[in-house]
């Protein structure tokens, strides 16, 4: 019985070592695949029409009045960004993180914001006509005076102010 317990313990130790080595290798591979992305200045972003800024992090960036019409911003982070009066009509922002972003007065006509995180975002006076907000999280968002004509708000998440 004692011999069997020793064999089981040895096997557990071997498996644990293999798992640790695998974890270390995965962490090293993951760290090697990360790239530092320098966020361009708002002036450089102005001309990004029909461009892709997917997966980038613009959290807290000042983009007031930026021309981002028809930009592809899939899974892009704009948490806390200043996008007041920004031109985002036709932008593709599926799964974008706009937590706490200021989008007051922004042009979001026909924008694709499906599954986007708009928690505590300020959309006061924003034009969301014909925007796709399907499954978006609007918890705590302010949509006072926002234009929502033809907007797809099916399956939205959370309570928002209107």
C-alpha atoms as a PDB file:
ATOM      1  CA  UNK A   1       0.000   0.000   0.000  1.00  0.00           C
ATOM      2  CA  UNK A   2       2.811   2.369   0.930  1.00  0.00           C
ATOM      3  CA  UNK A   3       4.608   1.583  -2.355  1.00  0.00           C
ATOM      4  CA  UNK A   4       1.465   2.473  -4.353  1.00  0.00           C
ATOM      5  CA  UNK A   5       1.162   5.793  -2.513  1.00  0.00           C
ATOM      6  CA  UNK A   6       4.794   6.601  -3.443  1.00  0.00           C
ATOM      7  CA  UNK A   7       4.118   5.875  -7.123  1.00  0.00           C
ATOM      8  CA  UNK A   8       1.014   8.069  -7.115  1.00  0.00           C
ATOM      9  CA  UNK A   9       2.958  10.881  -5.427  1.00  0.00           C
ATOM     10  CA  UNK A  10       5.760  10.569  -8.000  1.00  0.00           C
ATOM     11  CA  UNK A  11       3.243  10.762 -10.846  1.00  0.00           C
ATOM     12  CA  UNK A  12       1.605  13.821  -9.289  1.00  0.00           C
ATOM     13  CA  UNK A  13       4.992  15.532  -8.979  1.00  0.00           C
ATOM     14  CA  UNK A  14       5.835  14.748 -12.622  1.00  0.00           C
ATOM     15  CA  UNK A  15       2.475  16.047 -13.832  1.00  0.00           C
ATOM     16  CA  UNK A  16       2.869  19.204 -11.712  1.00  0.00           C
ATOM     17  CA  UNK A  17       6.335  19.866 -13.153  1.00  0.00           C
ATOM     18  CA  UNK A  18       5.060  19.370 -16.709  1.00  0.00           C
ATOM     19  CA  UNK A  19       2.148  21.757 -16.069  1.00  0.00           C
ATOM     20  CA  UNK A  20       4.483  24.387 -14.603  1.00  0.00           C
ATOM     21  CA  UNK A  21       6.850  24.129 -17.575  1.00  0.00           C
ATOM     22  CA  UNK A  22       3.899  24.403 -19.963  1.00  0.00           C
ATOM     23  CA  UNK A  23       2.586  27.453 -18.103  1.00  0.00           C
ATOM     24  CA  UNK A  24       5.987  29.164 -18.190  1.00  0.00           C
ATOM     25  CA  UNK A  25       6.359  28.467 -21.925  1.00  0.00           C
ATOM     26  CA  UNK A  26       2.861  29.823 -22.641  1.00  0.00           C
ATOM     27  CA  UNK A  27       3.527  32.977 -20.621  1.00  0.00           C
ATOM     28  CA  UNK A  28       6.826  33.546 -22.435  1.00  0.00           C
ATOM     29  CA  UNK A  29       5.203  32.983 -25.828  1.00  0.00           C
ATOM     30  CA  UNK A  30       2.334  35.325 -24.951  1.00  0.00           C
ATOM     31  CA  UNK A  31       4.678  38.038 -23.708  1.00  0.00           C
ATOM     32  CA  UNK A  32       6.720  37.777 -26.883  1.00  0.00           C
ATOM     33  CA  UNK A  33       3.612  38.284 -29.014  1.00  0.00           C
ATOM     34  CA  UNK A  34       2.611  41.531 -27.340  1.00  0.00           C
ATOM     35  CA  UNK A  35       3.561  44.738 -29.060  1.00  0.00           C
ATOM     36  CA  UNK A  36       3.623  48.194 -27.606  1.00  0.00           C
ATOM     37  CA  UNK A  37       1.265  50.441 -29.535  1.00  0.00           C
ATOM     38  CA  UNK A  38       1.864  54.153 -29.370  1.00  0.00           C
ATOM     39  CA  UNK A  39      -1.410  55.974 -29.661  1.00  0.00           C
ATOM     40  CA  UNK A  40      -1.235  58.574 -32.429  1.00  0.00           C
ATOM     41  CA  UNK A  41      -2.032  62.167 -31.598  1.00  0.00           C
ATOM     42  CA  UNK A  42      -5.605  63.306 -32.360  1.00  0.00           C
ATOM     43  CA  UNK A  43      -4.387  65.210 -35.427  1.00  0.00           C
ATOM     44  CA  UNK A  44      -3.052  61.963 -36.897  1.00  0.00           C
ATOM     45  CA  UNK A  45      -6.306  60.164 -36.134  1.00  0.00           C
ATOM     46  CA  UNK A  46      -8.330  62.802 -38.003  1.00  0.00           C
ATOM     47  CA  UNK A  47      -7.597  61.246 -41.400  1.00  0.00           C
ATOM     48  CA  UNK A  48      -8.361  57.656 -40.429  1.00  0.00           C
ATOM     49  CA  UNK A  49     -11.528  57.418 -42.525  1.00  0.00           C
ATOM     50  CA  UNK A  50     -12.148  53.895 -43.785  1.00  0.00           C
ATOM     51  CA  UNK A  51      -9.057  52.784 -41.867  1.00  0.00           C
ATOM     52  CA  UNK A  52      -8.725  50.145 -39.195  1.00  0.00           C
ATOM     53  CA  UNK A  53      -7.815  51.005 -35.643  1.00  0.00           C
ATOM     54  CA  UNK A  54      -9.086  47.682 -34.350  1.00  0.00           C
ATOM     55  CA  UNK A  55      -7.679  46.336 -31.073  1.00  0.00           C
ATOM     56  CA  UNK A  56      -5.893  49.609 -30.234  1.00  0.00           C
ATOM     57  CA  UNK A  57      -6.199  51.400 -26.894  1.00  0.00           C
ATOM     58  CA  UNK A  58      -7.404  55.012 -26.983  1.00  0.00           C
ATOM     59  CA  UNK A  59      -8.490  55.024 -23.338  1.00  0.00           C
ATOM     60  CA  UNK A  60      -8.597  58.559 -21.944  1.00  0.00           C
ATOM     61  CA  UNK A  61      -7.450  60.102 -25.237  1.00  0.00           C
ATOM     62  CA  UNK A  62      -8.695  63.566 -26.274  1.00  0.00           C
ATOM     63  CA  UNK A  63     -10.473  63.122 -29.631  1.00  0.00           C
ATOM     64  CA  UNK A  64     -12.992  65.968 -29.486  1.00  0.00           C
ATOM     65  CA  UNK A  65     -14.302  66.701 -32.990  1.00  0.00           C
ATOM     66  CA  UNK A  66     -12.179  63.920 -34.561  1.00  0.00           C
ATOM     67  CA  UNK A  67     -13.168  62.654 -38.000  1.00  0.00           C
ATOM     68  CA  UNK A  68     -13.467  58.905 -37.531  1.00  0.00           C
ATOM     69  CA  UNK A  69     -16.257  58.372 -40.059  1.00  0.00           C
ATOM     70  CA  UNK A  70     -16.458  54.788 -41.319  1.00  0.00           C
ATOM     71  CA  UNK A  71     -13.461  53.759 -39.219  1.00  0.00           C
ATOM     72  CA  UNK A  72     -13.103  50.081 -38.333  1.00  0.00           C
ATOM     73  CA  UNK A  73     -12.656  50.066 -34.549  1.00  0.00           C
ATOM     74  CA  UNK A  74     -13.461  46.434 -33.713  1.00  0.00           C
ATOM     75  CA  UNK A  75     -12.622  45.701 -30.048  1.00  0.00           C
ATOM     76  CA  UNK A  76     -10.929  49.101 -29.710  1.00  0.00           C
ATOM     77  CA  UNK A  77     -10.736  50.655 -26.242  1.00  0.00           C
ATOM     78  CA  UNK A  78     -12.057  54.201 -25.851  1.00  0.00           C
ATOM     79  CA  UNK A  79     -12.684  53.973 -22.083  1.00  0.00           C
ATOM     80  CA  UNK A  80     -12.879  57.501 -20.659  1.00  0.00           C
ATOM     81  CA  UNK A  81     -12.004  59.045 -24.044  1.00  0.00           C
ATOM     82  CA  UNK A  82     -13.235  62.522 -24.985  1.00  0.00           C
ATOM     83  CA  UNK A  83     -15.163  61.999 -28.240  1.00  0.00           C
ATOM     84  CA  UNK A  84     -17.409  65.048 -27.949  1.00  0.00           C
ATOM     85  CA  UNK A  85     -18.786  66.096 -31.338  1.00  0.00           C
ATOM     86  CA  UNK A  86     -16.682  63.404 -33.057  1.00  0.00           C
ATOM     87  CA  UNK A  87     -17.762  62.247 -36.509  1.00  0.00           C
ATOM     88  CA  UNK A  88     -18.257  58.496 -36.118  1.00  0.00           C
ATOM     89  CA  UNK A  89     -21.015  57.997 -38.690  1.00  0.00           C
ATOM     90  CA  UNK A  90     -20.829  54.543 -40.235  1.00  0.00           C
ATOM     91  CA  UNK A  91     -18.061  53.500 -37.823  1.00  0.00           C
ATOM     92  CA  UNK A  92     -17.765  49.781 -37.112  1.00  0.00           C
ATOM     93  CA  UNK A  93     -17.288  49.566 -33.356  1.00  0.00           C
ATOM     94  CA  UNK A  94     -18.433  46.027 -32.584  1.00  0.00           C
ATOM     95  CA  UNK A  95     -17.266  44.952 -29.098  1.00  0.00           C
ATOM     96  CA  UNK A  96     -15.613  48.351 -28.525  1.00  0.00           C
ATOM     97  CA  UNK A  97     -15.041  49.469 -24.931  1.00  0.00           C
ATOM     98  CA  UNK A  98     -16.516  52.960 -24.521  1.00  0.00           C
ATOM     99  CA  UNK A  99     -16.863  52.775 -20.740  1.00  0.00           C
ATOM    100  CA  UNK A 100     -17.254  56.298 -19.371  1.00  0.00           C
ATOM    101  CA  UNK A 101     -16.490  57.877 -22.755  1.00  0.00           C
ATOM    102  CA  UNK A 102     -17.888  61.331 -23.514  1.00  0.00           C
ATOM    103  CA  UNK A 103     -19.755  61.015 -26.817  1.00  0.00           C
ATOM    104  CA  UNK A 104     -21.988  64.038 -26.277  1.00  0.00           C
ATOM    105  CA  UNK A 105     -23.007  65.599 -29.571  1.00  0.00           C
ATOM    106  CA  UNK A 106     -21.213  62.858 -31.545  1.00  0.00           C
ATOM    107  CA  UNK A 107     -22.419  61.813 -35.009  1.00  0.00           C
ATOM    108  CA  UNK A 108     -23.016  58.059 -34.726  1.00  0.00           C
ATOM    109  CA  UNK A 109     -25.487  57.767 -37.612  1.00  0.00           C
ATOM    110  CA  UNK A 110     -25.452  54.182 -38.876  1.00  0.00           C
ATOM    111  CA  UNK A 111     -22.615  53.252 -36.516  1.00  0.00           C
ATOM    112  CA  UNK A 112     -22.245  49.588 -35.619  1.00  0.00           C
ATOM    113  CA  UNK A 113     -22.052  49.472 -31.823  1.00  0.00           C
ATOM    114  CA  UNK A 114     -23.317  45.924 -31.366  1.00  0.00           C
ATOM    115  CA  UNK A 115     -22.020  44.268 -28.197  1.00  0.00           C
ATOM    116  CA  UNK A 116     -20.181  47.497 -27.307  1.00  0.00           C
ATOM    117  CA  UNK A 117     -19.585  48.437 -23.677  1.00  0.00           C
ATOM    118  CA  UNK A 118     -21.144  51.884 -23.196  1.00  0.00           C
ATOM    119  CA  UNK A 119     -21.356  51.707 -19.398  1.00  0.00           C
ATOM    120  CA  UNK A 120     -21.609  55.213 -17.919  1.00  0.00           C
ATOM    121  CA  UNK A 121     -20.964  56.766 -21.345  1.00  0.00           C
ATOM    122  CA  UNK A 122     -22.310  60.275 -21.984  1.00  0.00           C
ATOM    123  CA  UNK A 123     -24.330  60.225 -25.203  1.00  0.00           C
ATOM    124  CA  UNK A 124     -26.166  63.492 -24.497  1.00  0.00           C
ATOM    125  CA  UNK A 125     -27.401  64.919 -27.792  1.00  0.00           C
ATOM    126  CA  UNK A 126     -25.613  62.246 -29.825  1.00  0.00           C
ATOM    127  CA  UNK A 127     -27.160  61.271 -33.167  1.00  0.00           C
ATOM    128  CA  UNK A 128     -27.617  57.493 -33.076  1.00  0.00           C
ATOM    129  CA  UNK A 129     -30.045  57.350 -36.001  1.00  0.00           C
ATOM    130  CA  UNK A 130     -30.028  53.894 -37.557  1.00  0.00           C
ATOM    131  CA  UNK A 131     -27.163  52.814 -35.295  1.00  0.00           C
ATOM    132  CA  UNK A 132     -26.825  49.142 -34.385  1.00  0.00           C
ATOM    133  CA  UNK A 133     -26.833  48.925 -30.584  1.00  0.00           C
ATOM    134  CA  UNK A 134     -27.844  45.278 -30.480  1.00  0.00           C
ATOM    135  CA  UNK A 135     -26.695  43.639 -27.220  1.00  0.00           C
ATOM    136  CA  UNK A 136     -24.770  46.775 -26.181  1.00  0.00           C
ATOM    137  CA  UNK A 137     -24.275  47.426 -22.458  1.00  0.00           C
ATOM    138  CA  UNK A 138     -25.849  50.819 -21.704  1.00  0.00           C
ATOM    139  CA  UNK A 139     -25.762  50.489 -17.912  1.00  0.00           C
ATOM    140  CA  UNK A 140     -25.646  54.007 -16.472  1.00  0.00           C
ATOM    141  CA  UNK A 141     -25.327  55.634 -19.917  1.00  0.00           C
ATOM    142  CA  UNK A 142     -26.834  59.098 -20.440  1.00  0.00           C
ATOM    143  CA  UNK A 143     -28.908  59.299 -23.627  1.00  0.00           C
ATOM    144  CA  UNK A 144     -30.619  62.605 -22.811  1.00  0.00           C
ATOM    145  CA  UNK A 145     -31.659  64.377 -26.034  1.00  0.00           C
ATOM    146  CA  UNK A 146     -30.014  61.607 -28.097  1.00  0.00           C
ATOM    147  CA  UNK A 147     -31.580  60.925 -31.499  1.00  0.00           C
ATOM    148  CA  UNK A 148     -32.510  57.246 -31.725  1.00  0.00           C
ATOM    149  CA  UNK A 149     -34.643  57.160 -34.875  1.00  0.00           C
ATOM    150  CA  UNK A 150     -34.368  53.723 -36.474  1.00  0.00           C
ATOM    151  CA  UNK A 151     -31.691  52.578 -33.997  1.00  0.00           C
ATOM    152  CA  UNK A 152     -31.597  48.839 -33.307  1.00  0.00           C
ATOM    153  CA  UNK A 153     -31.767  48.583 -29.529  1.00  0.00           C
ATOM    154  CA  UNK A 154     -32.737  44.922 -29.327  1.00  0.00           C
ATOM    155  CA  UNK A 155     -31.353  43.007 -26.370  1.00  0.00           C
ATOM    156  CA  UNK A 156     -29.551  45.989 -24.840  1.00  0.00           C
ATOM    157  CA  UNK A 157     -28.165  45.455 -21.376  1.00  0.00           C
ATOM    158  CA  UNK A 158     -28.720  47.684 -18.364  1.00  0.00           C
ATOM    159  CA  UNK A 159     -30.682  50.757 -17.381  1.00  0.00           C
ATOM    160  CA  UNK A 160     -29.824  54.079 -18.981  1.00  0.00           C
ATOM    161  CA  UNK A 161     -30.995  57.685 -18.579  1.00  0.00           C
ATOM    162  CA  UNK A 162     -33.166  59.109 -21.325  1.00  0.00           C
END
